[in-house]
PDB file of N, CA and C in Angstrom:
ATOM      1  N   UNK A   1      17.010   1.107   4.829  1.00  0.00           N
ATOM      2  CA  UNK A   1      17.375   2.436   4.388  1.00  0.00           C
ATOM      3  C   UNK A   1      16.350   3.433   4.922  1.00  0.00           C
ATOM      4  N   UNK A   2      16.843   4.500   5.526  1.00  0.00           N
ATOM      5  CA  UNK A   2      15.973   5.528   6.085  1.00  0.00           C
ATOM      6  C   UNK A   2      15.796   6.637   5.062  1.00  0.00           C
ATOM      7  N   UNK A   3      14.571   6.854   4.625  1.00  0.00           N
ATOM      8  CA  UNK A   3      14.275   7.882   3.637  1.00  0.00           C
ATOM      9  C   UNK A   3      13.655   9.101   4.287  1.00  0.00           C
ATOM     10  N   UNK A   4      14.029   9.377   5.520  1.00  0.00           N
ATOM     11  CA  UNK A   4      13.518  10.546   6.233  1.00  0.00           C
ATOM     12  C   UNK A   4      14.449  11.731   6.015  1.00  0.00           C
ATOM     13  N   UNK A   5      13.867  12.903   5.942  1.00  0.00           N
ATOM     14  CA  UNK A   5      14.637  14.130   5.775  1.00  0.00           C
ATOM     15  C   UNK A   5      13.778  15.299   6.236  1.00  0.00           C
ATOM     16  N   UNK A   6      14.333  16.492   6.209  1.00  0.00           N
ATOM     17  CA  UNK A   6      13.584  17.685   6.586  1.00  0.00           C
ATOM     18  C   UNK A   6      13.517  18.629   5.398  1.00  0.00           C
ATOM     19  N   UNK A   7      12.382  19.303   5.269  1.00  0.00           N
ATOM     20  CA  UNK A   7      12.190  20.267   4.195  1.00  0.00           C
ATOM     21  C   UNK A   7      12.284  21.667   4.790  1.00  0.00           C
ATOM     22  N   UNK A   8      13.322  22.431   4.402  1.00  0.00           N
ATOM     23  CA  UNK A   8      13.440  23.804   4.899  1.00  0.00           C
ATOM     24  C   UNK A   8      12.564  24.742   4.065  1.00  0.00           C
ATOM     25  N   UNK A   9      11.822  25.610   4.746  1.00  0.00           N
ATOM     26  CA  UNK A   9      10.898  26.525   4.072  1.00  0.00           C
ATOM     27  C   UNK A   9      11.011  27.898   4.721  1.00  0.00           C
ATOM     28  N   UNK A  10      11.016  28.927   3.895  1.00  0.00           N
ATOM     29  CA  UNK A  10      10.923  30.296   4.394  1.00  0.00           C
ATOM     30  C   UNK A  10       9.490  30.743   4.149  1.00  0.00           C
ATOM     31  N   UNK A  11       8.742  30.975   5.232  1.00  0.00           N
ATOM     32  CA  UNK A  11       7.323  31.319   5.118  1.00  0.00           C
ATOM     33  C   UNK A  11       6.998  32.405   6.133  1.00  0.00           C
ATOM     34  N   UNK A  12       6.390  33.476   5.668  1.00  0.00           N
ATOM     35  CA  UNK A  12       6.057  34.622   6.531  1.00  0.00           C
ATOM     36  C   UNK A  12       7.276  35.106   7.311  1.00  0.00           C
ATOM     37  N   UNK A  13       8.389  35.189   6.612  1.00  0.00           N
ATOM     38  CA  UNK A  13       9.653  35.677   7.164  1.00  0.00           C
ATOM     39  C   UNK A  13      10.179  34.815   8.316  1.00  0.00           C
ATOM     40  N   UNK A  14       9.775  33.543   8.339  1.00  0.00           N
ATOM     41  CA  UNK A  14      10.270  32.600   9.342  1.00  0.00           C
ATOM     42  C   UNK A  14      10.852  31.389   8.624  1.00  0.00           C
ATOM     43  N   UNK A  15      11.964  30.908   9.149  1.00  0.00           N
ATOM     44  CA  UNK A  15      12.544  29.678   8.630  1.00  0.00           C
ATOM     45  C   UNK A  15      11.920  28.499   9.372  1.00  0.00           C
ATOM     46  N   UNK A  16      11.318  27.602   8.614  1.00  0.00           N
ATOM     47  CA  UNK A  16      10.633  26.448   9.194  1.00  0.00           C
ATOM     48  C   UNK A  16      11.242  25.164   8.639  1.00  0.00           C
ATOM     49  N   UNK A  17      11.217  24.111   9.433  1.00  0.00           N
ATOM     50  CA  UNK A  17      11.642  22.783   8.994  1.00  0.00           C
ATOM     51  C   UNK A  17      10.483  21.815   9.183  1.00  0.00           C
ATOM     52  N   UNK A  18      10.183  21.071   8.127  1.00  0.00           N
ATOM     53  CA  UNK A  18       9.100  20.098   8.205  1.00  0.00           C
ATOM     54  C   UNK A  18       9.665  18.695   8.008  1.00  0.00           C
ATOM     55  N   UNK A  19       9.428  17.796   8.974  1.00  0.00           N
ATOM     56  CA  UNK A  19       9.876  16.409   8.823  1.00  0.00           C
ATOM     57  C   UNK A  19       9.144  15.748   7.653  1.00  0.00           C
ATOM     58  N   UNK A  20       9.887  14.980   6.872  1.00  0.00           N
ATOM     59  CA  UNK A  20       9.297  14.338   5.698  1.00  0.00           C
ATOM     60  C   UNK A  20       9.868  12.939   5.534  1.00  0.00           C
ATOM     61  N   UNK A  21       9.149  12.152   4.754  1.00  0.00           N
ATOM     62  CA  UNK A  21       9.586  10.779   4.480  1.00  0.00           C
ATOM     63  C   UNK A  21       9.248  10.445   3.037  1.00  0.00           C
ATOM     64  N   UNK A  22      10.214   9.896   2.330  1.00  0.00           N
ATOM     65  CA  UNK A  22      10.025   9.492   0.944  1.00  0.00           C
ATOM     66  C   UNK A  22       9.375   8.116   0.910  1.00  0.00           C
ATOM     67  N   UNK A  23       8.285   7.993   0.158  1.00  0.00           N
ATOM     68  CA  UNK A  23       7.578   6.725   0.008  1.00  0.00           C
ATOM     69  C   UNK A  23       7.724   6.263  -1.440  1.00  0.00           C
ATOM     70  N   UNK A  24       8.378   5.127  -1.652  1.00  0.00           N
ATOM     71  CA  UNK A  24       8.539   4.577  -2.993  1.00  0.00           C
ATOM     72  C   UNK A  24       7.287   3.782  -3.336  1.00  0.00           C
ATOM     73  N   UNK A  25       6.740   4.038  -4.542  1.00  0.00           N
ATOM     74  CA  UNK A  25       5.551   3.306  -4.975  1.00  0.00           C
ATOM     75  C   UNK A  25       5.696   2.955  -6.451  1.00  0.00           C
ATOM     76  N   UNK A  26       6.203   1.778  -6.703  1.00  0.00           N
ATOM     77  CA  UNK A  26       6.388   1.351  -8.086  1.00  0.00           C
ATOM     78  C   UNK A  26       7.357   2.254  -8.825  1.00  0.00           C
ATOM     79  N   UNK A  27       6.875   2.835  -9.929  1.00  0.00           N
ATOM     80  CA  UNK A  27       7.724   3.707 -10.737  1.00  0.00           C
ATOM     81  C   UNK A  27       7.656   5.163 -10.301  1.00  0.00           C
ATOM     82  N   UNK A  28       6.944   5.448  -9.251  1.00  0.00           N
ATOM     83  CA  UNK A  28       6.803   6.827  -8.785  1.00  0.00           C
ATOM     84  C   UNK A  28       7.096   6.898  -7.291  1.00  0.00           C
ATOM     85  N   UNK A  29       6.834   8.025  -6.716  1.00  0.00           N
ATOM     86  CA  UNK A  29       7.068   8.218  -5.286  1.00  0.00           C
ATOM     87  C   UNK A  29       6.099   9.265  -4.748  1.00  0.00           C
ATOM     88  N   UNK A  30       5.987   9.293  -3.452  1.00  0.00           N
ATOM     89  CA  UNK A  30       5.226  10.321  -2.749  1.00  0.00           C
ATOM     90  C   UNK A  30       6.078  10.774  -1.577  1.00  0.00           C
ATOM     91  N   UNK A  31       5.797  11.959  -1.102  1.00  0.00           N
ATOM     92  CA  UNK A  31       6.520  12.481   0.050  1.00  0.00           C
ATOM     93  C   UNK A  31       5.505  12.807   1.131  1.00  0.00           C
ATOM     94  N   UNK A  32       5.674  12.147   2.265  1.00  0.00           N
ATOM     95  CA  UNK A  32       4.788  12.322   3.416  1.00  0.00           C
ATOM     96  C   UNK A  32       5.403  13.396   4.309  1.00  0.00           C
ATOM     97  N   UNK A  33       4.666  14.496   4.533  1.00  0.00           N
ATOM     98  CA  UNK A  33       5.205  15.635   5.273  1.00  0.00           C
ATOM     99  C   UNK A  33       4.329  15.919   6.487  1.00  0.00           C
ATOM    100  N   UNK A  34       4.969  16.108   7.626  1.00  0.00           N
ATOM    101  CA  UNK A  34       4.262  16.508   8.848  1.00  0.00           C
ATOM    102  C   UNK A  34       4.189  18.033   8.849  1.00  0.00           C
ATOM    103  N   UNK A  35       2.983  18.552   8.601  1.00  0.00           N
ATOM    104  CA  UNK A  35       2.764  20.000   8.560  1.00  0.00           C
ATOM    105  C   UNK A  35       1.966  20.382   9.800  1.00  0.00           C
ATOM    106  N   UNK A  36       2.677  20.832  10.799  1.00  0.00           N
ATOM    107  CA  UNK A  36       2.044  21.264  12.053  1.00  0.00           C
ATOM    108  C   UNK A  36       1.123  20.194  12.644  1.00  0.00           C
ATOM    109  N   UNK A  37       1.601  18.959  12.640  1.00  0.00           N
ATOM    110  CA  UNK A  37       0.840  17.864  13.231  1.00  0.00           C
ATOM    111  C   UNK A  37      -0.111  17.156  12.284  1.00  0.00           C
ATOM    112  N   UNK A  38      -0.270  17.662  11.070  1.00  0.00           N
ATOM    113  CA  UNK A  38      -1.127  17.021  10.075  1.00  0.00           C
ATOM    114  C   UNK A  38      -0.243  16.366   9.016  1.00  0.00           C
ATOM    115  N   UNK A  39      -0.570  15.139   8.635  1.00  0.00           N
ATOM    116  CA  UNK A  39       0.204  14.445   7.614  1.00  0.00           C
ATOM    117  C   UNK A  39      -0.358  14.782   6.242  1.00  0.00           C
ATOM    118  N   UNK A  40       0.482  15.415   5.428  1.00  0.00           N
ATOM    119  CA  UNK A  40       0.102  15.795   4.072  1.00  0.00           C
ATOM    120  C   UNK A  40       0.990  15.011   3.114  1.00  0.00           C
ATOM    121  N   UNK A  41       0.383  14.433   2.079  1.00  0.00           N
ATOM    122  CA  UNK A  41       1.119  13.692   1.070  1.00  0.00           C
ATOM    123  C   UNK A  41       1.315  14.597  -0.147  1.00  0.00           C
ATOM    124  N   UNK A  42       2.550  14.688  -0.613  1.00  0.00           N
ATOM    125  CA  UNK A  42       2.856  15.424  -1.835  1.00  0.00           C
ATOM    126  C   UNK A  42       3.270  14.414  -2.888  1.00  0.00           C
ATOM    127  N   UNK A  43       2.775  14.607  -4.124  1.00  0.00           N
ATOM    128  CA  UNK A  43       3.145  13.720  -5.211  1.00  0.00           C
ATOM    129  C   UNK A  43       3.387  14.539  -6.472  1.00  0.00           C
ATOM    130  N   UNK A  44       4.244  14.028  -7.360  1.00  0.00           N
ATOM    131  CA  UNK A  44       4.494  14.756  -8.604  1.00  0.00           C
ATOM    132  C   UNK A  44       3.321  14.587  -9.565  1.00  0.00           C
ATOM    133  N   UNK A  45       3.017  15.670 -10.299  1.00  0.00           N
ATOM    134  CA  UNK A  45       1.992  15.562 -11.330  1.00  0.00           C
ATOM    135  C   UNK A  45       2.672  15.221 -12.659  1.00  0.00           C
ATOM    136  N   UNK A  46       1.905  15.243 -13.741  1.00  0.00           N
ATOM    137  CA  UNK A  46       2.429  14.856 -15.047  1.00  0.00           C
ATOM    138  C   UNK A  46       3.551  15.775 -15.523  1.00  0.00           C
ATOM    139  N   UNK A  47       3.576  17.017 -15.035  1.00  0.00           N
ATOM    140  CA  UNK A  47       4.584  17.989 -15.460  1.00  0.00           C
ATOM    141  C   UNK A  47       5.793  18.021 -14.524  1.00  0.00           C
ATOM    142  N   UNK A  48       5.771  17.197 -13.478  1.00  0.00           N
ATOM    143  CA  UNK A  48       6.879  17.152 -12.540  1.00  0.00           C
ATOM    144  C   UNK A  48       6.764  18.129 -11.390  1.00  0.00           C
ATOM    145  N   UNK A  49       5.667  18.868 -11.337  1.00  0.00           N
ATOM    146  CA  UNK A  49       5.414  19.756 -10.201  1.00  0.00           C
ATOM    147  C   UNK A  49       4.769  18.942  -9.086  1.00  0.00           C
ATOM    148  N   UNK A  50       4.909  19.394  -7.869  1.00  0.00           N
ATOM    149  CA  UNK A  50       4.351  18.655  -6.737  1.00  0.00           C
ATOM    150  C   UNK A  50       3.040  19.266  -6.279  1.00  0.00           C
ATOM    151  N   UNK A  51       2.122  18.388  -5.908  1.00  0.00           N
ATOM    152  CA  UNK A  51       0.817  18.827  -5.405  1.00  0.00           C
ATOM    153  C   UNK A  51       0.536  18.127  -4.090  1.00  0.00           C
ATOM    154  N   UNK A  52      -0.212  18.814  -3.246  1.00  0.00           N
ATOM    155  CA  UNK A  52      -0.601  18.244  -1.952  1.00  0.00           C
ATOM    156  C   UNK A  52      -1.866  17.425  -2.143  1.00  0.00           C
ATOM    157  N   UNK A  53      -1.876  16.243  -1.564  1.00  0.00           N
ATOM    158  CA  UNK A  53      -3.049  15.376  -1.581  1.00  0.00           C
ATOM    159  C   UNK A  53      -3.621  15.387  -0.170  1.00  0.00           C
ATOM    160  N   UNK A  54      -4.857  15.834  -0.056  1.00  0.00           N
ATOM    161  CA  UNK A  54      -5.494  15.942   1.255  1.00  0.00           C
ATOM    162  C   UNK A  54      -6.688  14.997   1.278  1.00  0.00           C
ATOM    163  N   UNK A  55      -6.693  14.062   2.237  1.00  0.00           N
ATOM    164  CA  UNK A  55      -7.794  13.102   2.303  1.00  0.00           C
ATOM    165  C   UNK A  55      -9.017  13.716   2.990  1.00  0.00           C
ATOM    166  N   UNK A  56     -10.115  12.984   2.939  1.00  0.00           N
ATOM    167  CA  UNK A  56     -11.390  13.483   3.469  1.00  0.00           C
ATOM    168  C   UNK A  56     -11.323  13.841   4.946  1.00  0.00           C
ATOM    169  N   UNK A  57     -10.577  13.078   5.712  1.00  0.00           N
ATOM    170  CA  UNK A  57     -10.475  13.358   7.148  1.00  0.00           C
ATOM    171  C   UNK A  57      -9.807  14.707   7.378  1.00  0.00           C
ATOM    172  N   UNK A  58      -8.772  15.012   6.587  1.00  0.00           N
ATOM    173  CA  UNK A  58      -8.099  16.302   6.733  1.00  0.00           C
ATOM    174  C   UNK A  58      -8.964  17.457   6.252  1.00  0.00           C
ATOM    175  N   UNK A  59      -9.884  17.177   5.333  1.00  0.00           N
ATOM    176  CA  UNK A  59     -10.766  18.252   4.864  1.00  0.00           C
ATOM    177  C   UNK A  59     -11.589  18.824   6.005  1.00  0.00           C
ATOM    178  N   UNK A  60     -11.906  17.988   6.990  1.00  0.00           N
ATOM    179  CA  UNK A  60     -12.640  18.474   8.159  1.00  0.00           C
ATOM    180  C   UNK A  60     -11.801  19.466   8.952  1.00  0.00           C
ATOM    181  N   UNK A  61     -10.479  19.339   8.855  1.00  0.00           N
ATOM    182  CA  UNK A  61      -9.576  20.244   9.564  1.00  0.00           C
ATOM    183  C   UNK A  61      -9.053  21.335   8.628  1.00  0.00           C
ATOM    184  N   UNK A  62      -9.765  21.582   7.540  1.00  0.00           N
ATOM    185  CA  UNK A  62      -9.296  22.511   6.510  1.00  0.00           C
ATOM    186  C   UNK A  62      -9.009  23.906   7.045  1.00  0.00           C
ATOM    187  N   UNK A  63      -9.685  24.304   8.095  1.00  0.00           N
ATOM    188  CA  UNK A  63      -9.431  25.629   8.661  1.00  0.00           C
ATOM    189  C   UNK A  63      -8.021  25.738   9.210  1.00  0.00           C
ATOM    190  N   UNK A  64      -7.425  24.606   9.578  1.00  0.00           N
ATOM    191  CA  UNK A  64      -6.080  24.597  10.143  1.00  0.00           C
ATOM    192  C   UNK A  64      -4.999  24.532   9.062  1.00  0.00           C
ATOM    193  N   UNK A  65      -5.397  24.288   7.815  1.00  0.00           N
ATOM    194  CA  UNK A  65      -4.435  24.105   6.738  1.00  0.00           C
ATOM    195  C   UNK A  65      -4.273  25.416   5.971  1.00  0.00           C
ATOM    196  N   UNK A  66      -3.052  25.911   5.908  1.00  0.00           N
ATOM    197  CA  UNK A  66      -2.743  27.135   5.184  1.00  0.00           C
ATOM    198  C   UNK A  66      -2.317  26.753   3.765  1.00  0.00           C
ATOM    199  N   UNK A  67      -3.154  27.076   2.783  1.00  0.00           N
ATOM    200  CA  UNK A  67      -2.890  26.692   1.398  1.00  0.00           C
ATOM    201  C   UNK A  67      -1.588  27.317   0.892  1.00  0.00           C
ATOM    202  N   UNK A  68      -1.319  28.547   1.276  1.00  0.00           N
ATOM    203  CA  UNK A  68      -0.068  29.202   0.857  1.00  0.00           C
ATOM    204  C   UNK A  68       1.147  28.451   1.390  1.00  0.00           C
ATOM    205  N   UNK A  69       1.034  27.946   2.612  1.00  0.00           N
ATOM    206  CA  UNK A  69       2.127  27.165   3.185  1.00  0.00           C
ATOM    207  C   UNK A  69       2.330  25.878   2.388  1.00  0.00           C
ATOM    208  N   UNK A  70       1.244  25.211   2.008  1.00  0.00           N
ATOM    209  CA  UNK A  70       1.364  23.980   1.220  1.00  0.00           C
ATOM    210  C   UNK A  70       2.027  24.261  -0.125  1.00  0.00           C
ATOM    211  N   UNK A  71       1.662  25.372  -0.753  1.00  0.00           N
ATOM    212  CA  UNK A  71       2.291  25.737  -2.029  1.00  0.00           C
ATOM    213  C   UNK A  71       3.781  26.004  -1.844  1.00  0.00           C
ATOM    214  N   UNK A  72       4.136  26.660  -0.749  1.00  0.00           N
ATOM    215  CA  UNK A  72       5.540  26.950  -0.468  1.00  0.00           C
ATOM    216  C   UNK A  72       6.321  25.659  -0.226  1.00  0.00           C
ATOM    217  N   UNK A  73       5.711  24.717   0.479  1.00  0.00           N
ATOM    218  CA  UNK A  73       6.360  23.417   0.707  1.00  0.00           C
ATOM    219  C   UNK A  73       6.545  22.684  -0.618  1.00  0.00           C
ATOM    220  N   UNK A  74       5.532  22.729  -1.490  1.00  0.00           N
ATOM    221  CA  UNK A  74       5.630  22.072  -2.795  1.00  0.00           C
ATOM    222  C   UNK A  74       6.793  22.641  -3.605  1.00  0.00           C
ATOM    223  N   UNK A  75       6.953  23.953  -3.598  1.00  0.00           N
ATOM    224  CA  UNK A  75       8.070  24.586  -4.312  1.00  0.00           C
ATOM    225  C   UNK A  75       9.402  24.151  -3.703  1.00  0.00           C
ATOM    226  N   UNK A  76       9.461  24.055  -2.382  1.00  0.00           N
ATOM    227  CA  UNK A  76      10.687  23.611  -1.713  1.00  0.00           C
ATOM    228  C   UNK A  76      11.021  22.172  -2.104  1.00  0.00           C
ATOM    229  N   UNK A  77      10.014  21.318  -2.172  1.00  0.00           N
ATOM    230  CA  UNK A  77      10.239  19.925  -2.589  1.00  0.00           C
ATOM    231  C   UNK A  77      10.788  19.898  -4.009  1.00  0.00           C
ATOM    232  N   UNK A  78      10.188  20.694  -4.897  1.00  0.00           N
ATOM    233  CA  UNK A  78      10.652  20.741  -6.283  1.00  0.00           C
ATOM    234  C   UNK A  78      12.113  21.162  -6.363  1.00  0.00           C
ATOM    235  N   UNK A  79      12.517  22.119  -5.534  1.00  0.00           N
ATOM    236  CA  UNK A  79      13.912  22.574  -5.570  1.00  0.00           C
ATOM    237  C   UNK A  79      14.863  21.505  -5.024  1.00  0.00           C
ATOM    238  N   UNK A  80      14.394  20.688  -4.096  1.00  0.00           N
ATOM    239  CA  UNK A  80      15.218  19.602  -3.555  1.00  0.00           C
ATOM    240  C   UNK A  80      15.370  18.484  -4.584  1.00  0.00           C
ATOM    241  N   UNK A  81      14.284  18.147  -5.255  1.00  0.00           N
ATOM    242  CA  UNK A  81      14.265  17.015  -6.179  1.00  0.00           C
ATOM    243  C   UNK A  81      15.037  17.319  -7.463  1.00  0.00           C
ATOM    244  N   UNK A  82      14.977  18.549  -7.913  1.00  0.00           N
ATOM    245  CA  UNK A  82      15.616  18.888  -9.202  1.00  0.00           C
ATOM    246  C   UNK A  82      17.052  19.140  -9.084  1.00  0.00           C
TER     247      UNK A  82
END
């Protein structure tokens, strides 16, 4: 079964599509998203909202990561899941 899909986002008045993949992990899941060449993992928190998980290696590239874009992607994921 292919759990790949695209996340449509409207950001800075541009329509963007981000390739994503659903990862099943026990009783929960994570969503792996390619954000401009960087792999960002989104996971649901206790309230059902999604948060971006950024590992130490990506922190070195933090200048390339737009936090507002990550928040917009998280909201888009929430709208898809609900």
